[in-house]
Amino acid sequence: MYEVKVSNTACSHLRFLMRSIALKDKETARNCTQQICLNLRALGQGNPNEFYYLNAQGIQENKYHQMLIADRFLAIFYLDGQTVYVDYVLDLQTEYEWLNNGVY
């Protein structure tokens, strides 16, 4: 069992993303929120080491793992002992440039 901690940055960004999605479709925003929460909780129940490392320009090599959520969101996290720290959750439909540029 792992403890999952979501950073303030990730929480703030998720609120922004869900508000943006809700402007177009509230039901989609609700479903996305549920999917993200379920998947982040599941990190604590499973083995977060099974997820691939995120090796991108500007990111410390072999530190951060990546988890695709609902074919749309990318959770970026790292492990420290029995704790999973989620630093970012990105919307790949709008923030794909982040991975290409290595800047966020």
Protein backbone atom coordinates (compact mmCIF):
# COMPACT_ATOMS: atom_id res chain seq x y z
CA MET A 1 0.00 0.00 0.00
CA TYR A 2 1.21 3.44 -0.95
CA GLU A 3 0.07 6.82 0.28
CA VAL A 4 -0.87 9.13 -2.60
CA LYS A 5 -0.30 12.88 -2.25
CA VAL A 6 -1.39 15.30 -4.96
CA SER A 7 0.51 18.58 -5.10
CA ASN A 8 -1.22 21.94 -4.79
CA THR A 9 -0.06 22.72 -8.33
CA ALA A 10 -1.72 19.59 -9.68
CA CYS A 11 -4.94 20.28 -7.74
CA SER A 12 -5.14 23.88 -8.96
CA HIS A 13 -4.48 22.85 -12.52
CA LEU A 14 -7.09 20.08 -12.34
CA ARG A 15 -9.71 22.55 -11.10
CA PHE A 16 -8.84 24.81 -14.02
CA LEU A 17 -9.07 21.93 -16.51
CA MET A 18 -12.40 20.70 -15.16
CA ARG A 19 -13.88 24.22 -15.25
CA SER A 20 -12.75 24.56 -18.86
CA ILE A 21 -14.27 21.22 -19.81
CA ALA A 22 -17.48 22.01 -17.89
CA LEU A 23 -17.99 25.15 -19.98
CA LYS A 24 -18.52 22.84 -22.95
CA ASP A 25 -20.10 19.83 -21.24
CA LYS A 26 -20.73 19.45 -17.51
CA GLU A 27 -21.34 15.71 -17.72
CA THR A 28 -18.00 15.16 -19.43
CA ALA A 29 -16.27 17.20 -16.73
CA ARG A 30 -17.97 15.11 -14.03
CA ASN A 31 -16.93 11.86 -15.72
CA CYS A 32 -13.35 13.06 -16.22
CA THR A 33 -13.12 14.08 -12.56
CA GLN A 34 -14.34 10.66 -11.46
CA GLN A 35 -11.90 8.85 -13.75
CA ILE A 36 -8.95 10.92 -12.58
CA CYS A 37 -9.82 10.45 -8.89
CA LEU A 38 -10.29 6.69 -9.30
CA ASN A 39 -7.00 6.28 -11.11
CA LEU A 40 -5.03 8.40 -8.66
CA ARG A 41 -6.47 6.43 -5.73
CA ALA A 42 -5.58 3.19 -7.52
CA LEU A 43 -1.92 4.24 -7.50
CA GLY A 44 -1.95 3.62 -3.77
CA GLN A 45 -3.46 0.15 -4.14
CA GLY A 46 -1.25 -1.19 -6.91
CA ASN A 47 2.40 -1.00 -7.82
CA PRO A 48 3.23 2.48 -9.13
CA ASN A 49 6.68 1.22 -10.20
CA GLU A 50 4.97 -0.62 -13.07
CA PHE A 51 4.34 2.63 -14.92
CA TYR A 52 6.86 3.83 -17.48
CA TYR A 53 9.31 6.56 -16.67
CA LEU A 54 8.67 9.92 -18.27
CA ASN A 55 11.90 10.83 -19.98
CA ALA A 56 11.48 14.21 -21.63
CA GLN A 57 13.70 17.19 -22.14
CA GLY A 58 13.93 19.30 -19.00
CA ILE A 59 12.84 16.50 -16.65
CA GLN A 60 15.19 14.59 -14.38
CA GLU A 61 15.84 11.23 -16.02
CA ASN A 62 14.24 8.15 -14.42
CA LYS A 63 12.58 10.11 -11.62
CA TYR A 64 9.03 10.70 -12.81
CA HIS A 65 6.57 8.03 -13.89
CA GLN A 66 3.61 8.60 -16.21
CA MET A 67 0.10 7.23 -16.13
CA LEU A 68 -2.42 7.69 -18.92
CA ILE A 69 -5.95 8.27 -17.63
CA ALA A 70 -9.04 7.84 -19.81
CA ASP A 71 -6.96 8.21 -23.00
CA ARG A 72 -6.89 11.95 -22.38
CA PHE A 73 -5.00 12.86 -19.22
CA LEU A 74 -1.42 12.22 -18.21
CA ALA A 75 -0.56 11.99 -14.51
CA ILE A 76 3.10 12.64 -13.73
CA PHE A 77 4.30 11.31 -10.40
CA TYR A 78 7.34 10.11 -8.49
CA LEU A 79 7.89 7.72 -5.62
CA ASP A 80 9.61 8.34 -2.32
CA GLY A 81 9.50 5.24 -0.15
CA GLN A 82 5.86 4.26 0.30
CA THR A 83 4.53 7.62 -0.89
CA VAL A 84 3.43 8.56 -4.40
CA TYR A 85 3.69 12.28 -5.14
CA VAL A 86 1.52 13.41 -8.07
CA ASP A 87 3.02 16.65 -9.36
CA TYR A 88 1.04 17.23 -12.57
CA VAL A 89 -2.04 16.06 -14.42
CA LEU A 90 -2.11 17.24 -18.01
CA ASP A 91 -4.90 17.30 -20.58
CA LEU A 92 -3.27 15.80 -23.66
CA GLN A 93 -5.93 17.28 -25.93
CA THR A 94 -4.72 20.77 -25.14
CA GLU A 95 -1.31 20.48 -23.47
CA TYR A 96 0.58 18.11 -25.77
CA GLU A 97 3.10 20.87 -26.57
CA TRP A 98 4.39 20.58 -23.01
CA LEU A 99 5.93 17.21 -23.82
CA ASN A 100 7.40 18.40 -27.09
CA ASN A 101 9.02 21.51 -25.59
CA GLY A 102 9.88 20.12 -22.16
CA VAL A 103 8.64 23.38 -20.65
CA TYR A 104 5.72 23.90 -18.31
